C-alpha atoms as a PDB file:
ATOM      1  CA  MET A   1      -0.303   0.085  -0.123  1.00  0.00           C
ATOM      2  CA  ILE A   2       1.392   3.407  -0.754  1.00  0.00           C
ATOM      3  CA  GLY A   3      -0.021   4.631   2.486  1.00  0.00           C
ATOM      4  CA  SER A   4       2.383   2.231   4.522  1.00  0.00           C
ATOM      5  CA  SER A   5       5.458   3.974   2.749  1.00  0.00           C
ATOM      6  CA  ILE A   6       4.930   7.413   3.976  1.00  0.00           C
ATOM      7  CA  GLY A   7       7.492   8.580   5.992  1.00  0.00           C
ATOM      8  CA  GLN A   8       7.297  10.782   9.185  1.00  0.00           C
ATOM      9  CA  ILE A   9       5.815  14.193   8.355  1.00  0.00           C
ATOM     10  CA  SER A  10       7.147  17.054   9.862  1.00  0.00           C
ATOM     11  CA  PRO A  11       5.657  18.267  13.077  1.00  0.00           C
ATOM     12  CA  PRO A  12       3.866  21.848  13.466  1.00  0.00           C
ATOM     13  CA  LEU A  13       5.631  25.129  13.577  1.00  0.00           C
ATOM     14  CA  TYR A  14       5.643  25.990  17.371  1.00  0.00           C
ATOM     15  CA  ARG A  15       5.972  29.479  18.567  1.00  0.00           C
ATOM     16  CA  SER A  16       9.511  29.759  18.840  1.00  0.00           C
ATOM     17  CA  GLN A  17      10.229  27.854  15.751  1.00  0.00           C
ATOM     18  CA  SER A  18       7.725  30.062  13.877  1.00  0.00           C
ATOM     19  CA  GLN A  19       9.087  33.442  15.039  1.00  0.00           C
ATOM     20  CA  ASP A  20      12.739  32.211  14.206  1.00  0.00           C
ATOM     21  CA  PHE A  21      11.639  31.520  10.762  1.00  0.00           C
ATOM     22  CA  ILE A  22       9.529  34.602  10.294  1.00  0.00           C
ATOM     23  CA  ASN A  23      12.014  36.786  11.342  1.00  0.00           C
ATOM     24  CA  GLN A  24      14.304  35.468   8.233  1.00  0.00           C
ATOM     25  CA  ILE A  25      11.767  37.045   5.841  1.00  0.00           C
ATOM     26  CA  LEU A  26      12.520  40.490   4.537  1.00  0.00           C
ATOM     27  CA  PHE A  27       9.774  42.907   4.386  1.00  0.00           C
ATOM     28  CA  THR A  28      10.314  46.197   2.766  1.00  0.00           C
ATOM     29  CA  ASP A  29       8.326  49.328   1.004  1.00  0.00           C
ATOM     30  CA  ARG A  30      11.444  50.941  -0.431  1.00  0.00           C
ATOM     31  CA  LEU A  31      11.477  50.153  -4.097  1.00  0.00           C
ATOM     32  CA  PHE A  32      14.305  50.983  -6.405  1.00  0.00           C
ATOM     33  CA  LYS A  33      13.506  50.204 -10.376  1.00  0.00           C
ATOM     34  CA  ARG A  34      15.850  50.362 -12.785  1.00  0.00           C
ATOM     35  CA  ARG A  35      16.488  49.238 -16.436  1.00  0.00           C
ATOM     36  CA  ASP A  36      19.863  48.728 -18.160  1.00  0.00           C
ATOM     37  CA  ASP A  37      20.513  50.371 -21.299  1.00  0.00           C
ATOM     38  CA  GLU A  38      22.787  47.709 -23.122  1.00  0.00           C
ATOM     39  CA  SER A  39      20.961  44.578 -22.047  1.00  0.00           C
ATOM     40  CA  GLY A  40      17.383  46.147 -21.446  1.00  0.00           C
ATOM     41  CA  LEU A  41      16.889  44.044 -18.348  1.00  0.00           C
ATOM     42  CA  ARG A  42      14.701  45.747 -15.583  1.00  0.00           C
ATOM     43  CA  SER A  43      15.582  45.152 -11.992  1.00  0.00           C
ATOM     44  CA  ILE A  44      13.725  45.882  -8.928  1.00  0.00           C
ATOM     45  CA  ASN A  45      15.747  46.147  -5.692  1.00  0.00           C
ATOM     46  CA  GLN A  46      18.643  43.632  -5.811  1.00  0.00           C
ATOM     47  CA  TYR A  47      16.627  41.486  -8.347  1.00  0.00           C
ATOM     48  CA  ILE A  48      17.485  41.352 -12.295  1.00  0.00           C
ATOM     49  CA  ILE A  49      13.876  40.478 -14.023  1.00  0.00           C
ATOM     50  CA  HIS A  50      13.962  37.847 -16.626  1.00  0.00           C
ATOM     51  CA  GLN A  51      11.299  35.934 -18.438  1.00  0.00           C
ATOM     52  CA  MET A  52       7.446  35.154 -17.266  1.00  0.00           C
ATOM     53  CA  ILE A  53       7.568  31.538 -15.868  1.00  0.00           C
ATOM     54  CA  GLY A  54       3.690  31.775 -14.879  1.00  0.00           C
ATOM     55  CA  LYS A  55       0.576  33.457 -14.564  1.00  0.00           C
ATOM     56  CA  GLY A  56      -2.650  33.612 -12.613  1.00  0.00           C
ATOM     57  CA  ALA A  57      -5.962  35.650 -12.286  1.00  0.00           C
ATOM     58  CA  TYR A  58      -4.349  38.683 -10.213  1.00  0.00           C
ATOM     59  CA  ALA A  59      -0.721  38.094 -10.614  1.00  0.00           C
ATOM     60  CA  LYS A  60       2.231  37.158 -13.035  1.00  0.00           C
ATOM     61  CA  VAL A  61       5.265  35.091 -11.997  1.00  0.00           C
ATOM     62  CA  LYS A  62       8.752  36.053 -13.073  1.00  0.00           C
ATOM     63  CA  LEU A  63      12.115  34.757 -12.894  1.00  0.00           C
ATOM     64  CA  VAL A  64      14.908  36.581 -11.345  1.00  0.00           C
ATOM     65  CA  HIS A  65      18.635  36.454 -10.117  1.00  0.00           C
ATOM     66  CA  VAL A  66      20.045  38.560  -7.480  1.00  0.00           C
ATOM     67  CA  ILE A  67      22.300  41.247  -8.721  1.00  0.00           C
ATOM     68  CA  ASN A  68      26.131  40.065  -9.206  1.00  0.00           C
ATOM     69  CA  ASN A  69      24.914  36.472  -8.388  1.00  0.00           C
ATOM     70  CA  PRO A  70      23.320  35.171 -11.465  1.00  0.00           C
ATOM     71  CA  GLU A  71      23.208  31.648 -10.299  1.00  0.00           C
ATOM     72  CA  GLN A  72      20.932  32.661  -7.119  1.00  0.00           C
ATOM     73  CA  LEU A  73      17.442  32.467  -8.561  1.00  0.00           C
ATOM     74  CA  PHE A  74      14.201  33.333  -7.503  1.00  0.00           C
ATOM     75  CA  ALA A  75      10.612  33.449  -8.597  1.00  0.00           C
ATOM     76  CA  MET A  76       9.129  36.929  -8.320  1.00  0.00           C
ATOM     77  CA  LYS A  77       5.261  36.717  -8.051  1.00  0.00           C
ATOM     78  CA  VAL A  78       3.971  40.248  -8.914  1.00  0.00           C
ATOM     79  CA  ILE A  79       0.817  40.823  -7.533  1.00  0.00           C
ATOM     80  CA  ILE A  80      -1.676  43.446  -8.820  1.00  0.00           C
ATOM     81  CA  LYS A  81      -3.647  44.741  -5.409  1.00  0.00           C
ATOM     82  CA  GLU A  82      -6.359  46.558  -7.547  1.00  0.00           C
ATOM     83  CA  THR A  83      -7.341  45.103 -11.051  1.00  0.00           C
ATOM     84  CA  LYS A  84     -10.232  45.051 -13.154  1.00  0.00           C
ATOM     85  CA  LYS A  85      -9.595  41.269 -14.193  1.00  0.00           C
ATOM     86  CA  ARG A  86     -10.610  40.009 -10.751  1.00  0.00           C
ATOM     87  CA  PRO A  87     -10.834  35.980  -9.833  1.00  0.00           C
ATOM     88  CA  GLN A  88     -14.490  34.591 -10.719  1.00  0.00           C
ATOM     89  CA  MET A  89     -15.321  33.805  -7.410  1.00  0.00           C
ATOM     90  CA  PHE A  90     -15.582  37.936  -6.596  1.00  0.00           C
ATOM     91  CA  SER A  91     -17.484  38.676  -9.907  1.00  0.00           C
ATOM     92  CA  LYS A  92     -20.987  39.036  -8.439  1.00  0.00           C
ATOM     93  CA  MET A  93     -19.977  41.341  -5.430  1.00  0.00           C
ATOM     94  CA  PRO A  94     -20.178  45.090  -5.877  1.00  0.00           C
ATOM     95  CA  PRO A  95     -16.988  46.555  -7.144  1.00  0.00           C
ATOM     96  CA  LYS A  96     -15.803  48.013  -3.718  1.00  0.00           C
ATOM     97  CA  PHE A  97     -16.497  44.836  -1.873  1.00  0.00           C
ATOM     98  CA  GLN A  98     -14.627  42.949  -4.794  1.00  0.00           C
ATOM     99  CA  VAL A  99     -11.115  45.268  -4.066  1.00  0.00           C
ATOM    100  CA  LYS A 100     -11.844  44.589  -0.480  1.00  0.00           C
ATOM    101  CA  LYS A 101     -12.258  40.861  -1.080  1.00  0.00           C
ATOM    102  CA  GLN A 102      -9.131  40.799  -3.191  1.00  0.00           C
ATOM    103  CA  GLU A 103      -6.699  42.659  -0.754  1.00  0.00           C
ATOM    104  CA  GLU A 104      -8.129  40.451   1.797  1.00  0.00           C
ATOM    105  CA  THR A 105      -7.206  37.176  -0.227  1.00  0.00           C
ATOM    106  CA  ILE A 106      -3.758  38.696  -0.960  1.00  0.00           C
ATOM    107  CA  ASN A 107      -3.096  39.563   2.634  1.00  0.00           C
ATOM    108  CA  LYS A 108      -4.051  35.802   3.498  1.00  0.00           C
ATOM    109  CA  GLU A 109      -1.828  34.317   0.937  1.00  0.00           C
ATOM    110  CA  VAL A 110       1.165  36.726   2.653  1.00  0.00           C
ATOM    111  CA  ALA A 111       0.152  35.558   5.954  1.00  0.00           C
ATOM    112  CA  VAL A 112       0.057  31.898   5.056  1.00  0.00           C
ATOM    113  CA  MET A 113       3.425  31.811   3.134  1.00  0.00           C
ATOM    114  CA  LYS A 114       4.894  33.348   6.315  1.00  0.00           C
ATOM    115  CA  LYS A 115       4.238  30.532   8.357  1.00  0.00           C
ATOM    116  CA  MET A 116       5.233  27.719   6.015  1.00  0.00           C
ATOM    117  CA  ASN A 117       8.528  25.904   6.444  1.00  0.00           C
ATOM    118  CA  HIS A 118       8.427  22.728   4.858  1.00  0.00           C
ATOM    119  CA  PRO A 119      10.777  20.917   2.194  1.00  0.00           C
ATOM    120  CA  ASN A 120       7.410  20.281   0.207  1.00  0.00           C
ATOM    121  CA  ILE A 121       6.160  23.597   0.382  1.00  0.00           C
ATOM    122  CA  VAL A 122       7.620  26.514  -1.590  1.00  0.00           C
ATOM    123  CA  GLN A 123       9.620  28.827   0.657  1.00  0.00           C
ATOM    124  CA  LEU A 124       8.604  32.591   0.775  1.00  0.00           C
ATOM    125  CA  HIS A 125      12.016  34.696   1.266  1.00  0.00           C
ATOM    126  CA  GLU A 126      11.065  38.389   0.726  1.00  0.00           C
ATOM    127  CA  VAL A 127       7.945  40.668   0.497  1.00  0.00           C
ATOM    128  CA  ILE A 128       8.542  44.067  -1.292  1.00  0.00           C
ATOM    129  CA  ASP A 129       5.485  46.504  -1.153  1.00  0.00           C
ATOM    130  CA  ASP A 130       4.906  49.039  -3.872  1.00  0.00           C
ATOM    131  CA  ASN A 131       1.897  50.837  -2.666  1.00  0.00           C
ATOM    132  CA  SER A 132       2.088  53.715  -5.229  1.00  0.00           C
ATOM    133  CA  GLN A 133       1.625  51.238  -8.108  1.00  0.00           C
ATOM    134  CA  LYS A 134      -0.570  48.840  -5.921  1.00  0.00           C
ATOM    135  CA  LYS A 135       1.354  45.938  -6.464  1.00  0.00           C
ATOM    136  CA  LEU A 136       3.185  43.730  -4.365  1.00  0.00           C
ATOM    137  CA  TYR A 137       6.185  41.540  -5.023  1.00  0.00           C
ATOM    138  CA  MET A 138       6.617  38.179  -3.379  1.00  0.00           C
ATOM    139  CA  ILE A 139      10.150  36.593  -3.868  1.00  0.00           C
ATOM    140  CA  LEU A 140       9.701  33.020  -3.536  1.00  0.00           C
ATOM    141  CA  GLU A 141      12.331  29.841  -3.695  1.00  0.00           C
ATOM    142  CA  PHE A 142      12.605  29.113  -7.613  1.00  0.00           C
ATOM    143  CA  VAL A 143      11.524  25.438  -8.351  1.00  0.00           C
ATOM    144  CA  LYS A 144      13.447  24.342 -11.639  1.00  0.00           C
ATOM    145  CA  GLY A 145      11.405  21.749 -12.518  1.00  0.00           C
ATOM    146  CA  GLY A 146       8.368  23.704 -13.122  1.00  0.00           C
ATOM    147  CA  PRO A 147       4.614  22.404 -12.782  1.00  0.00           C
ATOM    148  CA  CYS A 148       3.647  18.656 -12.814  1.00  0.00           C
ATOM    149  CA  PHE A 149       1.434  19.362 -16.326  1.00  0.00           C
ATOM    150  CA  ARG A 150       4.430  20.868 -18.189  1.00  0.00           C
ATOM    151  CA  ALA A 151       6.742  17.856 -17.341  1.00  0.00           C
ATOM    152  CA  LYS A 152       7.402  15.733 -20.784  1.00  0.00           C
ATOM    153  CA  GLN A 153       8.019  12.116 -19.352  1.00  0.00           C
ATOM    154  CA  GLU A 154       7.379   8.460 -19.977  1.00  0.00           C
ATOM    155  CA  PRO A 155       4.393   6.988 -17.833  1.00  0.00           C
ATOM    156  CA  LEU A 156       5.354   6.982 -13.810  1.00  0.00           C
ATOM    157  CA  SER A 157       6.928   3.888 -12.362  1.00  0.00           C
ATOM    158  CA  GLU A 158       5.392   2.701  -9.116  1.00  0.00           C
ATOM    159  CA  GLU A 159       7.885   3.722  -7.201  1.00  0.00           C
ATOM    160  CA  GLN A 160       7.819   7.473  -9.037  1.00  0.00           C
ATOM    161  CA  ALA A 161       4.004   7.702  -8.432  1.00  0.00           C
ATOM    162  CA  ARG A 162       4.636   6.604  -4.737  1.00  0.00           C
ATOM    163  CA  SER A 163       7.408   9.181  -4.111  1.00  0.00           C
ATOM    164  CA  ILE A 164       5.243  11.972  -5.604  1.00  0.00           C
ATOM    165  CA  LEU A 165       2.182  11.325  -3.615  1.00  0.00           C
ATOM    166  CA  ARG A 166       4.407  10.864  -0.485  1.00  0.00           C
ATOM    167  CA  ASP A 167       5.863  14.561  -1.148  1.00  0.00           C
ATOM    168  CA  ILE A 168       2.220  15.936  -1.770  1.00  0.00           C
ATOM    169  CA  ILE A 169       0.702  14.290   1.304  1.00  0.00           C
ATOM    170  CA  ALA A 170       3.551  15.329   3.647  1.00  0.00           C
ATOM    171  CA  GLY A 171       2.989  18.737   2.493  1.00  0.00           C
ATOM    172  CA  ILE A 172      -0.864  18.892   2.869  1.00  0.00           C
ATOM    173  CA  SER A 173      -0.484  17.216   6.267  1.00  0.00           C
ATOM    174  CA  TYR A 174       1.858  19.775   7.278  1.00  0.00           C
ATOM    175  CA  MET A 175      -0.682  22.859   6.184  1.00  0.00           C
ATOM    176  CA  HIS A 176      -3.512  20.697   8.152  1.00  0.00           C
ATOM    177  CA  LYS A 177      -1.825  20.423  11.010  1.00  0.00           C
ATOM    178  CA  ASN A 178      -1.084  24.431  10.974  1.00  0.00           C
ATOM    179  CA  ASN A 179      -4.884  24.750  10.598  1.00  0.00           C
ATOM    180  CA  ILE A 180      -4.436  25.660   6.758  1.00  0.00           C
ATOM    181  CA  VAL A 181      -6.408  24.467   3.901  1.00  0.00           C
ATOM    182  CA  HIS A 182      -5.003  25.133   0.236  1.00  0.00           C
ATOM    183  CA  HIS A 183      -8.223  24.935  -1.643  1.00  0.00           C
ATOM    184  CA  ASP A 184      -6.479  24.661  -5.084  1.00  0.00           C
ATOM    185  CA  ILE A 185      -4.291  21.459  -5.497  1.00  0.00           C
ATOM    186  CA  LYS A 186      -3.975  20.929  -9.091  1.00  0.00           C
ATOM    187  CA  PRO A 187      -1.259  20.127 -11.395  1.00  0.00           C
ATOM    188  CA  ASP A 188      -0.388  23.543 -12.004  1.00  0.00           C
ATOM    189  CA  ASN A 189       0.187  24.295  -8.325  1.00  0.00           C
ATOM    190  CA  LEU A 190       2.486  21.108  -7.877  1.00  0.00           C
ATOM    191  CA  LEU A 191       6.113  21.784  -8.904  1.00  0.00           C
ATOM    192  CA  PHE A 192       9.006  19.467  -9.616  1.00  0.00           C
ATOM    193  CA  ASP A 193      12.172  20.041  -7.964  1.00  0.00           C
ATOM    194  CA  GLU A 194      15.694  19.373  -9.647  1.00  0.00           C
ATOM    195  CA  ASN A 195      15.698  15.871  -7.607  1.00  0.00           C
ATOM    196  CA  GLY A 196      12.103  15.037  -8.867  1.00  0.00           C
ATOM    197  CA  GLY A 197      10.564  15.865  -5.714  1.00  0.00           C
ATOM    198  CA  ILE A 198       7.364  17.766  -5.333  1.00  0.00           C
ATOM    199  CA  LYS A 199       6.764  21.308  -3.939  1.00  0.00           C
ATOM    200  CA  ILE A 200       3.414  22.846  -3.549  1.00  0.00           C
END
């Protein structure tokens, strides 16, 4: 049985452990935007922006690297706080309530990501708040393999399937132990790391 092969799942965050981890996350509302005339690449603070690698209802995800360290890659999630293209679940609300609900959703996502510290969950490194442009930049761990649905490979062996399910269950169980429900588990949100493991 697959269930019998699932390893020990990490315990929930204790208060001291959670606080130590949260203190490592940088929050700033100082924003420095530049554009290199020679390469045409734009940068925000210490991050040079490359191509878009993902897109959602109110956010885009771009590949970035740290200035002076091209090998240090991150995924920059650019969230538009106020956009006319809102998630479908908000479409029946009056406009002012749509904006409020969207802000609540964004704040909730940031709050949840701050708490997460598990090998099968994408890690948040920094949050940059650009209030003048109504944008929020979340600097996230870059998972090289990309979403499951993009992976071109032969049918999975039983051992590969077992390993993937083990990672997914470990990540979801960790969330549930911390009273968090994901609500949107799907192949687009399951990422392969460079070792074939899964991050949510």
